[in-house]
PDB file of N, CA and C in Angstrom:
ATOM      1  N   UNK A   1     147.329 126.834  25.693  1.00  0.00           N
ATOM      2  CA  UNK A   1     147.881 125.882  25.096  1.00  0.00           C
ATOM      3  C   UNK A   1     149.186 125.375  25.991  1.00  0.00           C
ATOM      4  N   UNK A   2     149.280 124.068  26.261  1.00  0.00           N
ATOM      5  CA  UNK A   2     150.299 123.592  27.248  1.00  0.00           C
ATOM      6  C   UNK A   2     151.408 122.699  26.380  1.00  0.00           C
ATOM      7  N   UNK A   3     152.568 123.214  26.945  1.00  0.00           N
ATOM      8  CA  UNK A   3     153.872 122.666  26.066  1.00  0.00           C
ATOM      9  C   UNK A   3     154.308 121.240  26.891  1.00  0.00           C
ATOM     10  N   UNK A   4     154.598 120.177  26.375  1.00  0.00           N
ATOM     11  CA  UNK A   4     154.861 119.074  27.490  1.00  0.00           C
ATOM     12  C   UNK A   4     156.326 119.505  28.021  1.00  0.00           C
ATOM     13  N   UNK A   5     157.225 120.293  27.643  1.00  0.00           N
ATOM     14  CA  UNK A   5     158.357 120.723  28.057  1.00  0.00           C
ATOM     15  C   UNK A   5     158.395 121.612  29.340  1.00  0.00           C
ATOM     16  N   UNK A   6     157.274 122.164  29.526  1.00  0.00           N
ATOM     17  CA  UNK A   6     157.048 123.205  30.438  1.00  0.00           C
ATOM     18  C   UNK A   6     155.878 122.794  31.022  1.00  0.00           C
ATOM     19  N   UNK A   7     155.444 121.682  31.424  1.00  0.00           N
ATOM     20  CA  UNK A   7     154.155 121.318  32.285  1.00  0.00           C
ATOM     21  C   UNK A   7     154.881 120.394  33.306  1.00  0.00           C
ATOM     22  N   UNK A   8     154.088 120.822  34.574  1.00  0.00           N
ATOM     23  CA  UNK A   8     154.560 120.315  35.893  1.00  0.00           C
ATOM     24  C   UNK A   8     153.347 119.143  36.242  1.00  0.00           C
ATOM     25  N   UNK A   9     152.216 119.516  35.728  1.00  0.00           N
ATOM     26  CA  UNK A   9     151.333 118.312  36.023  1.00  0.00           C
ATOM     27  C   UNK A   9     149.858 118.301  34.882  1.00  0.00           C
ATOM     28  N   UNK A  10     149.640 117.057  34.678  1.00  0.00           N
ATOM     29  CA  UNK A  10     148.630 116.862  33.584  1.00  0.00           C
ATOM     30  C   UNK A  10     147.774 115.913  34.072  1.00  0.00           C
ATOM     31  N   UNK A  11     146.573 116.486  34.503  1.00  0.00           N
ATOM     32  CA  UNK A  11     145.262 115.968  35.313  1.00  0.00           C
ATOM     33  C   UNK A  11     145.679 115.264  36.428  1.00  0.00           C
ATOM     34  N   UNK A  12     146.744 115.748  37.093  1.00  0.00           N
ATOM     35  CA  UNK A  12     147.113 114.921  38.194  1.00  0.00           C
ATOM     36  C   UNK A  12     146.400 114.928  39.576  1.00  0.00           C
ATOM     37  N   UNK A  13     146.024 114.012  40.241  1.00  0.00           N
ATOM     38  CA  UNK A  13     145.157 113.838  41.332  1.00  0.00           C
ATOM     39  C   UNK A  13     145.724 114.911  42.195  1.00  0.00           C
ATOM     40  N   UNK A  14     144.732 115.831  42.619  1.00  0.00           N
ATOM     41  CA  UNK A  14     145.198 116.862  43.392  1.00  0.00           C
ATOM     42  C   UNK A  14     145.204 116.263  44.971  1.00  0.00           C
ATOM     43  N   UNK A  15     146.563 116.418  45.896  1.00  0.00           N
ATOM     44  CA  UNK A  15     146.724 116.056  46.987  1.00  0.00           C
ATOM     45  C   UNK A  15     148.137 116.469  47.282  1.00  0.00           C
ATOM     46  N   UNK A  16     148.460 116.499  48.513  1.00  0.00           N
ATOM     47  CA  UNK A  16     149.495 117.215  49.143  1.00  0.00           C
ATOM     48  C   UNK A  16     150.794 116.446  48.501  1.00  0.00           C
ATOM     49  N   UNK A  17     151.753 117.245  48.177  1.00  0.00           N
ATOM     50  CA  UNK A  17     153.024 116.423  47.463  1.00  0.00           C
ATOM     51  C   UNK A  17     153.462 117.498  46.327  1.00  0.00           C
ATOM     52  N   UNK A  18     154.405 116.860  45.780  1.00  0.00           N
ATOM     53  CA  UNK A  18     155.128 117.417  44.208  1.00  0.00           C
ATOM     54  C   UNK A  18     154.416 117.244  43.055  1.00  0.00           C
ATOM     55  N   UNK A  19     154.584 117.911  42.226  1.00  0.00           N
ATOM     56  CA  UNK A  19     154.113 117.775  40.788  1.00  0.00           C
ATOM     57  C   UNK A  19     154.522 116.624  40.234  1.00  0.00           C
ATOM     58  N   UNK A  20     153.906 116.077  39.343  1.00  0.00           N
ATOM     59  CA  UNK A  20     154.256 114.898  38.364  1.00  0.00           C
ATOM     60  C   UNK A  20     155.744 115.182  37.928  1.00  0.00           C
ATOM     61  N   UNK A  21     156.179 116.506  37.436  1.00  0.00           N
ATOM     62  CA  UNK A  21     157.327 116.503  36.387  1.00  0.00           C
ATOM     63  C   UNK A  21     158.132 117.952  37.141  1.00  0.00           C
ATOM     64  N   UNK A  22     159.308 117.782  36.948  1.00  0.00           N
ATOM     65  CA  UNK A  22     160.581 118.574  37.227  1.00  0.00           C
ATOM     66  C   UNK A  22     160.674 119.475  35.826  1.00  0.00           C
ATOM     67  N   UNK A  23     160.955 120.783  35.742  1.00  0.00           N
ATOM     68  CA  UNK A  23     160.856 121.235  34.570  1.00  0.00           C
ATOM     69  C   UNK A  23     162.170 122.135  34.608  1.00  0.00           C
ATOM     70  N   UNK A  24     163.015 121.903  33.272  1.00  0.00           N
ATOM     71  CA  UNK A  24     164.266 122.578  32.939  1.00  0.00           C
ATOM     72  C   UNK A  24     163.975 123.710  32.418  1.00  0.00           C
ATOM     73  N   UNK A  25     163.991 124.888  32.904  1.00  0.00           N
ATOM     74  CA  UNK A  25     163.788 126.270  32.371  1.00  0.00           C
ATOM     75  C   UNK A  25     165.066 126.803  31.806  1.00  0.00           C
ATOM     76  N   UNK A  26     166.143 126.133  31.945  1.00  0.00           N
ATOM     77  CA  UNK A  26     167.255 126.548  31.368  1.00  0.00           C
ATOM     78  C   UNK A  26     168.096 127.528  32.024  1.00  0.00           C
ATOM     79  N   UNK A  27     169.398 127.935  31.392  1.00  0.00           N
ATOM     80  CA  UNK A  27     170.405 128.544  32.472  1.00  0.00           C
ATOM     81  C   UNK A  27     170.099 130.139  32.927  1.00  0.00           C
ATOM     82  N   UNK A  28     169.338 130.689  32.025  1.00  0.00           N
ATOM     83  CA  UNK A  28     168.931 132.059  32.487  1.00  0.00           C
ATOM     84  C   UNK A  28     167.756 132.332  33.434  1.00  0.00           C
ATOM     85  N   UNK A  29     167.788 132.966  34.268  1.00  0.00           N
ATOM     86  CA  UNK A  29     166.560 133.481  35.082  1.00  0.00           C
ATOM     87  C   UNK A  29     165.367 133.786  34.240  1.00  0.00           C
ATOM     88  N   UNK A  30     164.222 133.019  34.454  1.00  0.00           N
ATOM     89  CA  UNK A  30     163.114 133.214  33.294  1.00  0.00           C
ATOM     90  C   UNK A  30     162.380 134.256  34.115  1.00  0.00           C
ATOM     91  N   UNK A  31     162.862 134.686  35.303  1.00  0.00           N
ATOM     92  CA  UNK A  31     161.963 135.623  35.915  1.00  0.00           C
ATOM     93  C   UNK A  31     162.225 136.935  35.507  1.00  0.00           C
ATOM     94  N   UNK A  32     163.270 137.057  34.768  1.00  0.00           N
ATOM     95  CA  UNK A  32     163.608 138.338  34.068  1.00  0.00           C
ATOM     96  C   UNK A  32     163.272 138.843  32.752  1.00  0.00           C
ATOM     97  N   UNK A  33     163.159 140.047  32.394  1.00  0.00           N
ATOM     98  CA  UNK A  33     162.847 140.277  31.123  1.00  0.00           C
ATOM     99  C   UNK A  33     161.268 139.929  30.825  1.00  0.00           C
ATOM    100  N   UNK A  34     160.875 139.535  29.682  1.00  0.00           N
ATOM    101  CA  UNK A  34     159.367 139.253  29.418  1.00  0.00           C
ATOM    102  C   UNK A  34     158.800 138.420  30.406  1.00  0.00           C
ATOM    103  N   UNK A  35     157.847 138.466  30.956  1.00  0.00           N
ATOM    104  CA  UNK A  35     157.276 137.447  31.980  1.00  0.00           C
ATOM    105  C   UNK A  35     156.790 136.141  31.342  1.00  0.00           C
ATOM    106  N   UNK A  36     156.993 135.099  32.101  1.00  0.00           N
ATOM    107  CA  UNK A  36     156.593 133.963  31.889  1.00  0.00           C
ATOM    108  C   UNK A  36     155.498 133.844  32.971  1.00  0.00           C
ATOM    109  N   UNK A  37     154.510 133.172  32.687  1.00  0.00           N
ATOM    110  CA  UNK A  37     153.535 132.925  33.690  1.00  0.00           C
ATOM    111  C   UNK A  37     153.458 131.389  34.254  1.00  0.00           C
ATOM    112  N   UNK A  38     153.112 131.300  35.476  1.00  0.00           N
ATOM    113  CA  UNK A  38     152.726 129.931  35.965  1.00  0.00           C
ATOM    114  C   UNK A  38     151.073 129.637  36.060  1.00  0.00           C
ATOM    115  N   UNK A  39     150.462 128.948  35.433  1.00  0.00           N
ATOM    116  CA  UNK A  39     149.305 128.437  35.270  1.00  0.00           C
ATOM    117  C   UNK A  39     148.936 127.528  35.948  1.00  0.00           C
ATOM    118  N   UNK A  40     147.949 127.500  36.742  1.00  0.00           N
ATOM    119  CA  UNK A  40     147.508 126.111  37.594  1.00  0.00           C
ATOM    120  C   UNK A  40     145.581 126.368  37.221  1.00  0.00           C
ATOM    121  N   UNK A  41     145.445 125.078  36.499  1.00  0.00           N
ATOM    122  CA  UNK A  41     144.063 125.011  36.395  1.00  0.00           C
ATOM    123  C   UNK A  41     143.433 123.473  37.250  1.00  0.00           C
ATOM    124  N   UNK A  42     142.274 123.695  37.547  1.00  0.00           N
ATOM    125  CA  UNK A  42     141.620 122.642  38.501  1.00  0.00           C
ATOM    126  C   UNK A  42     140.593 122.007  37.609  1.00  0.00           C
ATOM    127  N   UNK A  43     140.127 120.910  37.796  1.00  0.00           N
ATOM    128  CA  UNK A  43     138.869 120.402  37.528  1.00  0.00           C
ATOM    129  C   UNK A  43     137.860 120.790  38.972  1.00  0.00           C
ATOM    130  N   UNK A  44     136.383 120.527  38.444  1.00  0.00           N
ATOM    131  CA  UNK A  44     135.552 120.977  39.739  1.00  0.00           C
ATOM    132  C   UNK A  44     135.659 119.943  40.712  1.00  0.00           C
ATOM    133  N   UNK A  45     135.501 120.513  42.098  1.00  0.00           N
ATOM    134  CA  UNK A  45     135.081 119.374  43.065  1.00  0.00           C
ATOM    135  C   UNK A  45     136.229 119.264  44.010  1.00  0.00           C
ATOM    136  N   UNK A  46     137.306 120.194  43.802  1.00  0.00           N
ATOM    137  CA  UNK A  46     138.438 120.310  44.693  1.00  0.00           C
ATOM    138  C   UNK A  46     137.860 121.011  46.190  1.00  0.00           C
ATOM    139  N   UNK A  47     138.708 120.403  47.331  1.00  0.00           N
ATOM    140  CA  UNK A  47     138.002 121.155  48.679  1.00  0.00           C
ATOM    141  C   UNK A  47     139.378 121.631  49.211  1.00  0.00           C
ATOM    142  N   UNK A  48     138.815 122.438  50.237  1.00  0.00           N
ATOM    143  CA  UNK A  48     140.252 123.270  50.945  1.00  0.00           C
ATOM    144  C   UNK A  48     140.474 124.319  50.397  1.00  0.00           C
ATOM    145  N   UNK A  49     141.507 124.756  50.796  1.00  0.00           N
ATOM    146  CA  UNK A  49     142.444 125.952  50.136  1.00  0.00           C
ATOM    147  C   UNK A  49     143.803 125.480  49.802  1.00  0.00           C
ATOM    148  N   UNK A  50     144.093 125.950  48.712  1.00  0.00           N
ATOM    149  CA  UNK A  50     145.377 125.437  48.053  1.00  0.00           C
ATOM    150  C   UNK A  50     146.434 126.113  48.300  1.00  0.00           C
ATOM    151  N   UNK A  51     147.735 125.728  48.552  1.00  0.00           N
ATOM    152  CA  UNK A  51     149.253 126.544  48.518  1.00  0.00           C
ATOM    153  C   UNK A  51     149.709 125.707  47.259  1.00  0.00           C
ATOM    154  N   UNK A  52     150.256 126.485  46.620  1.00  0.00           N
ATOM    155  CA  UNK A  52     151.077 125.979  45.379  1.00  0.00           C
ATOM    156  C   UNK A  52     152.472 126.699  45.706  1.00  0.00           C
ATOM    157  N   UNK A  53     153.422 125.881  45.813  1.00  0.00           N
ATOM    158  CA  UNK A  53     154.496 126.360  46.309  1.00  0.00           C
ATOM    159  C   UNK A  53     155.853 126.198  45.090  1.00  0.00           C
ATOM    160  N   UNK A  54     156.499 126.981  44.272  1.00  0.00           N
ATOM    161  CA  UNK A  54     157.400 126.939  43.780  1.00  0.00           C
ATOM    162  C   UNK A  54     158.678 126.730  44.030  1.00  0.00           C
ATOM    163  N   UNK A  55     159.157 125.595  43.701  1.00  0.00           N
ATOM    164  CA  UNK A  55     160.544 125.239  44.174  1.00  0.00           C
ATOM    165  C   UNK A  55     161.467 125.269  43.275  1.00  0.00           C
ATOM    166  N   UNK A  56     162.988 125.572  43.568  1.00  0.00           N
ATOM    167  CA  UNK A  56     163.997 125.867  42.319  1.00  0.00           C
ATOM    168  C   UNK A  56     165.136 125.459  42.870  1.00  0.00           C
ATOM    169  N   UNK A  57     165.889 124.949  41.927  1.00  0.00           N
ATOM    170  CA  UNK A  57     167.485 124.492  42.445  1.00  0.00           C
ATOM    171  C   UNK A  57     168.054 124.191  41.021  1.00  0.00           C
ATOM    172  N   UNK A  58     169.531 124.157  41.217  1.00  0.00           N
ATOM    173  CA  UNK A  58     170.423 123.587  40.117  1.00  0.00           C
ATOM    174  C   UNK A  58     170.467 122.237  39.756  1.00  0.00           C
ATOM    175  N   UNK A  59     170.147 121.511  40.634  1.00  0.00           N
ATOM    176  CA  UNK A  59     170.507 119.834  40.413  1.00  0.00           C
ATOM    177  C   UNK A  59     168.852 119.631  39.631  1.00  0.00           C
ATOM    178  N   UNK A  60     169.226 118.526  38.946  1.00  0.00           N
ATOM    179  CA  UNK A  60     168.039 117.908  38.125  1.00  0.00           C
ATOM    180  C   UNK A  60     167.378 117.264  38.891  1.00  0.00           C
ATOM    181  N   UNK A  61     167.194 116.707  39.953  1.00  0.00           N
ATOM    182  CA  UNK A  61     166.578 116.096  40.934  1.00  0.00           C
ATOM    183  C   UNK A  61     165.945 117.157  42.139  1.00  0.00           C
ATOM    184  N   UNK A  62     166.317 118.349  41.881  1.00  0.00           N
ATOM    185  CA  UNK A  62     166.226 119.359  42.837  1.00  0.00           C
ATOM    186  C   UNK A  62     166.418 118.671  44.029  1.00  0.00           C
ATOM    187  N   UNK A  63     167.416 118.142  44.521  1.00  0.00           N
ATOM    188  CA  UNK A  63     168.117 117.735  45.779  1.00  0.00           C
ATOM    189  C   UNK A  63     168.459 119.208  46.537  1.00  0.00           C
ATOM    190  N   UNK A  64     168.778 120.159  45.723  1.00  0.00           N
ATOM    191  CA  UNK A  64     169.312 121.275  46.406  1.00  0.00           C
ATOM    192  C   UNK A  64     167.955 122.365  46.362  1.00  0.00           C
ATOM    193  N   UNK A  65     166.974 122.040  46.372  1.00  0.00           N
ATOM    194  CA  UNK A  65     165.531 123.001  46.216  1.00  0.00           C
ATOM    195  C   UNK A  65     165.772 123.730  47.277  1.00  0.00           C
ATOM    196  N   UNK A  66     165.341 125.233  46.825  1.00  0.00           N
ATOM    197  CA  UNK A  66     164.824 126.267  47.762  1.00  0.00           C
ATOM    198  C   UNK A  66     163.156 126.846  47.248  1.00  0.00           C
ATOM    199  N   UNK A  67     162.693 127.188  48.172  1.00  0.00           N
ATOM    200  CA  UNK A  67     161.272 128.018  47.923  1.00  0.00           C
ATOM    201  C   UNK A  67     161.721 129.321  47.081  1.00  0.00           C
ATOM    202  N   UNK A  68     161.095 129.381  46.027  1.00  0.00           N
ATOM    203  CA  UNK A  68     160.866 130.500  45.351  1.00  0.00           C
ATOM    204  C   UNK A  68     159.929 131.608  45.602  1.00  0.00           C
ATOM    205  N   UNK A  69     158.585 130.969  45.850  1.00  0.00           N
ATOM    206  CA  UNK A  69     157.270 131.443  46.179  1.00  0.00           C
ATOM    207  C   UNK A  69     156.191 130.602  46.552  1.00  0.00           C
ATOM    208  N   UNK A  70     155.555 131.115  47.328  1.00  0.00           N
ATOM    209  CA  UNK A  70     154.056 130.166  47.861  1.00  0.00           C
ATOM    210  C   UNK A  70     152.896 130.887  47.330  1.00  0.00           C
ATOM    211  N   UNK A  71     152.186 130.499  46.649  1.00  0.00           N
ATOM    212  CA  UNK A  71     150.611 131.099  46.167  1.00  0.00           C
ATOM    213  C   UNK A  71     149.497 130.539  46.948  1.00  0.00           C
ATOM    214  N   UNK A  72     148.883 131.518  47.634  1.00  0.00           N
ATOM    215  CA  UNK A  72     147.524 130.870  48.254  1.00  0.00           C
ATOM    216  C   UNK A  72     146.262 131.101  47.332  1.00  0.00           C
ATOM    217  N   UNK A  73     145.420 130.084  47.331  1.00  0.00           N
ATOM    218  CA  UNK A  73     144.251 129.601  46.619  1.00  0.00           C
ATOM    219  C   UNK A  73     143.273 129.607  47.396  1.00  0.00           C
ATOM    220  N   UNK A  74     142.176 130.622  47.593  1.00  0.00           N
ATOM    221  CA  UNK A  74     141.127 130.185  48.497  1.00  0.00           C
ATOM    222  C   UNK A  74     140.048 129.123  47.956  1.00  0.00           C
ATOM    223  N   UNK A  75     139.248 128.616  48.989  1.00  0.00           N
ATOM    224  CA  UNK A  75     138.347 127.397  48.797  1.00  0.00           C
ATOM    225  C   UNK A  75     137.344 127.787  47.828  1.00  0.00           C
ATOM    226  N   UNK A  76     137.128 128.957  47.779  1.00  0.00           N
ATOM    227  CA  UNK A  76     135.866 129.406  46.942  1.00  0.00           C
ATOM    228  C   UNK A  76     136.490 129.215  45.627  1.00  0.00           C
ATOM    229  N   UNK A  77     137.580 129.719  45.322  1.00  0.00           N
ATOM    230  CA  UNK A  77     138.100 129.619  44.023  1.00  0.00           C
ATOM    231  C   UNK A  77     138.393 128.123  43.203  1.00  0.00           C
ATOM    232  N   UNK A  78     138.654 127.360  44.169  1.00  0.00           N
ATOM    233  CA  UNK A  78     138.587 125.860  43.843  1.00  0.00           C
ATOM    234  C   UNK A  78     137.238 125.302  43.431  1.00  0.00           C
ATOM    235  N   UNK A  79     136.115 125.757  44.053  1.00  0.00           N
ATOM    236  CA  UNK A  79     134.931 125.089  43.793  1.00  0.00           C
ATOM    237  C   UNK A  79     134.553 125.132  42.320  1.00  0.00           C
ATOM    238  N   UNK A  80     134.914 126.178  41.997  1.00  0.00           N
ATOM    239  CA  UNK A  80     134.394 126.519  40.475  1.00  0.00           C
ATOM    240  C   UNK A  80     135.345 125.960  39.563  1.00  0.00           C
ATOM    241  N   UNK A  81     136.613 125.400  39.677  1.00  0.00           N
ATOM    242  CA  UNK A  81     137.605 125.013  38.863  1.00  0.00           C
ATOM    243  C   UNK A  81     138.007 125.801  37.713  1.00  0.00           C
ATOM    244  N   UNK A  82     138.618 125.243  36.848  1.00  0.00           N
ATOM    245  CA  UNK A  82     139.386 126.277  35.741  1.00  0.00           C
ATOM    246  C   UNK A  82     140.695 126.656  36.037  1.00  0.00           C
ATOM    247  N   UNK A  83     140.905 127.862  35.330  1.00  0.00           N
ATOM    248  CA  UNK A  83     142.172 128.454  35.845  1.00  0.00           C
ATOM    249  C   UNK A  83     142.154 129.002  37.331  1.00  0.00           C
ATOM    250  N   UNK A  84     142.569 128.760  38.192  1.00  0.00           N
ATOM    251  CA  UNK A  84     142.598 129.131  39.772  1.00  0.00           C
ATOM    252  C   UNK A  84     144.033 129.998  40.139  1.00  0.00           C
ATOM    253  N   UNK A  85     145.093 130.054  39.213  1.00  0.00           N
ATOM    254  CA  UNK A  85     146.324 130.740  39.482  1.00  0.00           C
ATOM    255  C   UNK A  85     147.081 131.343  38.326  1.00  0.00           C
ATOM    256  N   UNK A  86     147.085 132.273  37.814  1.00  0.00           N
ATOM    257  CA  UNK A  86     147.921 132.690  36.832  1.00  0.00           C
ATOM    258  C   UNK A  86     149.002 133.691  37.232  1.00  0.00           C
ATOM    259  N   UNK A  87     150.033 133.853  37.583  1.00  0.00           N
ATOM    260  CA  UNK A  87     151.078 134.604  38.173  1.00  0.00           C
ATOM    261  C   UNK A  87     152.450 134.742  37.563  1.00  0.00           C
ATOM    262  N   UNK A  88     152.972 135.603  37.055  1.00  0.00           N
ATOM    263  CA  UNK A  88     154.324 135.528  36.449  1.00  0.00           C
ATOM    264  C   UNK A  88     155.422 134.942  37.499  1.00  0.00           C
ATOM    265  N   UNK A  89     156.264 134.403  37.229  1.00  0.00           N
ATOM    266  CA  UNK A  89     157.491 133.785  37.418  1.00  0.00           C
ATOM    267  C   UNK A  89     158.331 134.913  38.016  1.00  0.00           C
ATOM    268  N   UNK A  90     158.629 134.952  39.557  1.00  0.00           N
ATOM    269  CA  UNK A  90     159.433 136.269  39.769  1.00  0.00           C
ATOM    270  C   UNK A  90     160.871 135.726  39.581  1.00  0.00           C
ATOM    271  N   UNK A  91     161.753 136.889  39.937  1.00  0.00           N
ATOM    272  CA  UNK A  91     163.010 136.613  39.771  1.00  0.00           C
ATOM    273  C   UNK A  91     163.581 135.623  40.904  1.00  0.00           C
ATOM    274  N   UNK A  92     164.737 135.247  40.622  1.00  0.00           N
ATOM    275  CA  UNK A  92     165.448 134.276  41.555  1.00  0.00           C
ATOM    276  C   UNK A  92     165.364 132.773  41.033  1.00  0.00           C
ATOM    277  N   UNK A  93     164.821 132.371  39.925  1.00  0.00           N
ATOM    278  CA  UNK A  93     164.861 131.071  39.448  1.00  0.00           C
ATOM    279  C   UNK A  93     165.854 130.782  38.942  1.00  0.00           C
ATOM    280  N   UNK A  94     166.419 129.421  39.531  1.00  0.00           N
ATOM    281  CA  UNK A  94     167.222 128.523  38.904  1.00  0.00           C
ATOM    282  C   UNK A  94     166.728 127.764  37.847  1.00  0.00           C
ATOM    283  N   UNK A  95     167.765 126.881  37.424  1.00  0.00           N
ATOM    284  CA  UNK A  95     167.882 126.009  36.167  1.00  0.00           C
ATOM    285  C   UNK A  95     166.588 125.028  36.233  1.00  0.00           C
ATOM    286  N   UNK A  96     166.223 124.525  37.585  1.00  0.00           N
ATOM    287  CA  UNK A  96     165.072 123.587  37.599  1.00  0.00           C
ATOM    288  C   UNK A  96     163.778 124.113  38.323  1.00  0.00           C
ATOM    289  N   UNK A  97     162.576 123.610  38.049  1.00  0.00           N
ATOM    290  CA  UNK A  97     161.546 123.937  38.893  1.00  0.00           C
ATOM    291  C   UNK A  97     160.750 123.001  38.879  1.00  0.00           C
ATOM    292  N   UNK A  98     159.911 122.980  40.140  1.00  0.00           N
ATOM    293  CA  UNK A  98     159.012 122.145  40.199  1.00  0.00           C
ATOM    294  C   UNK A  98     157.861 122.601  41.297  1.00  0.00           C
ATOM    295  N   UNK A  99     156.389 122.056  41.404  1.00  0.00           N
ATOM    296  CA  UNK A  99     155.593 122.611  42.023  1.00  0.00           C
ATOM    297  C   UNK A  99     155.411 121.798  43.375  1.00  0.00           C
ATOM    298  N   UNK A 100     154.819 122.116  44.416  1.00  0.00           N
ATOM    299  CA  UNK A 100     154.376 121.389  45.442  1.00  0.00           C
ATOM    300  C   UNK A 100     153.003 121.803  45.862  1.00  0.00           C
ATOM    301  N   UNK A 101     152.107 121.103  45.927  1.00  0.00           N
ATOM    302  CA  UNK A 101     150.881 121.350  46.398  1.00  0.00           C
ATOM    303  C   UNK A 101     150.423 120.690  47.774  1.00  0.00           C
ATOM    304  N   UNK A 102     149.509 121.545  48.562  1.00  0.00           N
ATOM    305  CA  UNK A 102     149.207 121.433  49.915  1.00  0.00           C
ATOM    306  C   UNK A 102     147.924 121.920  50.105  1.00  0.00           C
ATOM    307  N   UNK A 103     147.241 121.088  51.061  1.00  0.00           N
ATOM    308  CA  UNK A 103     146.046 121.742  51.670  1.00  0.00           C
ATOM    309  C   UNK A 103     144.620 121.704  50.869  1.00  0.00           C
ATOM    310  N   UNK A 104     144.588 121.081  49.722  1.00  0.00           N
ATOM    311  CA  UNK A 104     143.291 120.804  48.973  1.00  0.00           C
ATOM    312  C   UNK A 104     143.287 119.331  48.932  1.00  0.00           C
ATOM    313  N   UNK A 105     142.183 118.882  48.270  1.00  0.00           N
ATOM    314  CA  UNK A 105     142.026 117.578  47.728  1.00  0.00           C
ATOM    315  C   UNK A 105     140.937 117.351  46.856  1.00  0.00           C
ATOM    316  N   UNK A 106     140.871 116.604  46.053  1.00  0.00           N
ATOM    317  CA  UNK A 106     139.620 116.322  45.231  1.00  0.00           C
ATOM    318  C   UNK A 106     140.210 116.867  43.749  1.00  0.00           C
ATOM    319  N   UNK A 107     139.565 116.381  42.762  1.00  0.00           N
ATOM    320  CA  UNK A 107     139.674 116.983  41.523  1.00  0.00           C
ATOM    321  C   UNK A 107     141.303 116.625  40.940  1.00  0.00           C
ATOM    322  N   UNK A 108     141.476 117.214  39.894  1.00  0.00           N
ATOM    323  CA  UNK A 108     142.546 117.011  39.111  1.00  0.00           C
ATOM    324  C   UNK A 108     143.415 118.416  38.922  1.00  0.00           C
ATOM    325  N   UNK A 109     144.565 118.483  38.811  1.00  0.00           N
ATOM    326  CA  UNK A 109     145.297 119.515  38.697  1.00  0.00           C
ATOM    327  C   UNK A 109     146.201 119.475  37.351  1.00  0.00           C
ATOM    328  N   UNK A 110     146.013 120.550  36.550  1.00  0.00           N
ATOM    329  CA  UNK A 110     147.038 120.588  35.285  1.00  0.00           C
ATOM    330  C   UNK A 110     147.917 122.103  35.450  1.00  0.00           C
ATOM    331  N   UNK A 111     149.040 121.987  35.402  1.00  0.00           N
ATOM    332  CA  UNK A 111     149.960 123.299  35.619  1.00  0.00           C
ATOM    333  C   UNK A 111     151.007 123.266  34.773  1.00  0.00           C
ATOM    334  N   UNK A 112     151.488 124.440  34.363  1.00  0.00           N
ATOM    335  CA  UNK A 112     152.804 124.790  33.699  1.00  0.00           C
ATOM    336  C   UNK A 112     153.093 125.951  33.361  1.00  0.00           C
ATOM    337  N   UNK A 113     153.986 126.315  32.628  1.00  0.00           N
ATOM    338  CA  UNK A 113     154.453 127.476  32.531  1.00  0.00           C
ATOM    339  C   UNK A 113     153.991 128.024  30.998  1.00  0.00           C
ATOM    340  N   UNK A 114     153.464 129.381  30.767  1.00  0.00           N
ATOM    341  CA  UNK A 114     152.998 129.722  29.651  1.00  0.00           C
ATOM    342  C   UNK A 114     153.233 131.209  29.151  1.00  0.00           C
ATOM    343  N   UNK A 115     153.549 131.581  28.266  1.00  0.00           N
ATOM    344  CA  UNK A 115     153.899 132.948  27.924  1.00  0.00           C
ATOM    345  C   UNK A 115     153.144 134.126  28.083  1.00  0.00           C
ATOM    346  N   UNK A 116     151.488 133.539  28.283  1.00  0.00           N
ATOM    347  CA  UNK A 116     150.385 134.458  28.363  1.00  0.00           C
ATOM    348  C   UNK A 116     149.332 133.754  29.215  1.00  0.00           C
ATOM    349  N   UNK A 117     148.727 134.560  30.095  1.00  0.00           N
ATOM    350  CA  UNK A 117     147.799 133.707  31.038  1.00  0.00           C
ATOM    351  C   UNK A 117     146.392 134.244  30.884  1.00  0.00           C
ATOM    352  N   UNK A 118     145.547 133.421  30.819  1.00  0.00           N
ATOM    353  CA  UNK A 118     143.916 133.973  30.602  1.00  0.00           C
ATOM    354  C   UNK A 118     143.567 134.322  32.287  1.00  0.00           C
ATOM    355  N   UNK A 119     143.217 135.628  32.664  1.00  0.00           N
ATOM    356  CA  UNK A 119     143.169 135.922  33.844  1.00  0.00           C
ATOM    357  C   UNK A 119     141.581 136.423  34.331  1.00  0.00           C
ATOM    358  N   UNK A 120     140.884 136.430  33.258  1.00  0.00           N
ATOM    359  CA  UNK A 120     139.635 137.044  33.868  1.00  0.00           C
ATOM    360  C   UNK A 120     138.715 135.952  34.602  1.00  0.00           C
ATOM    361  N   UNK A 121     138.265 136.584  35.525  1.00  0.00           N
ATOM    362  CA  UNK A 121     136.953 135.794  36.199  1.00  0.00           C
ATOM    363  C   UNK A 121     137.701 134.748  37.339  1.00  0.00           C
ATOM    364  N   UNK A 122     138.958 134.982  37.794  1.00  0.00           N
ATOM    365  CA  UNK A 122     139.482 134.155  38.431  1.00  0.00           C
ATOM    366  C   UNK A 122     140.385 134.868  39.664  1.00  0.00           C
ATOM    367  N   UNK A 123     140.552 134.374  40.720  1.00  0.00           N
ATOM    368  CA  UNK A 123     141.330 134.949  41.905  1.00  0.00           C
ATOM    369  C   UNK A 123     142.636 134.727  41.629  1.00  0.00           C
ATOM    370  N   UNK A 124     143.431 136.189  42.144  1.00  0.00           N
ATOM    371  CA  UNK A 124     145.071 135.929  41.954  1.00  0.00           C
ATOM    372  C   UNK A 124     145.803 135.846  43.520  1.00  0.00           C
TER     373      UNK A 124
END
């Protein structure tokens, strides 16, 4: 289930660049305590290997963005679509977050923060 307040992309055309939205995760580091997961799902038809970079910062426009982590998703995982990434948000998160996609094209991406992530049958 996706929450509009914690969604980075909703059926966004997959191409190099930032997610449609910047998410305000609050003043506390969401990487501490109970895990909050980043979940990325793709429609079928994407090609290439995908890099998903999590950027974070203190400014609402992320003018001060720093890279928190970069995840690599193989081309073989993209061909099947569905959930291609489910990973806990690491510590070090500031108030705002966005994703940056690189290396893959075709299909659409839906991504957001979730309290629990379906991980069976996907690559991490």
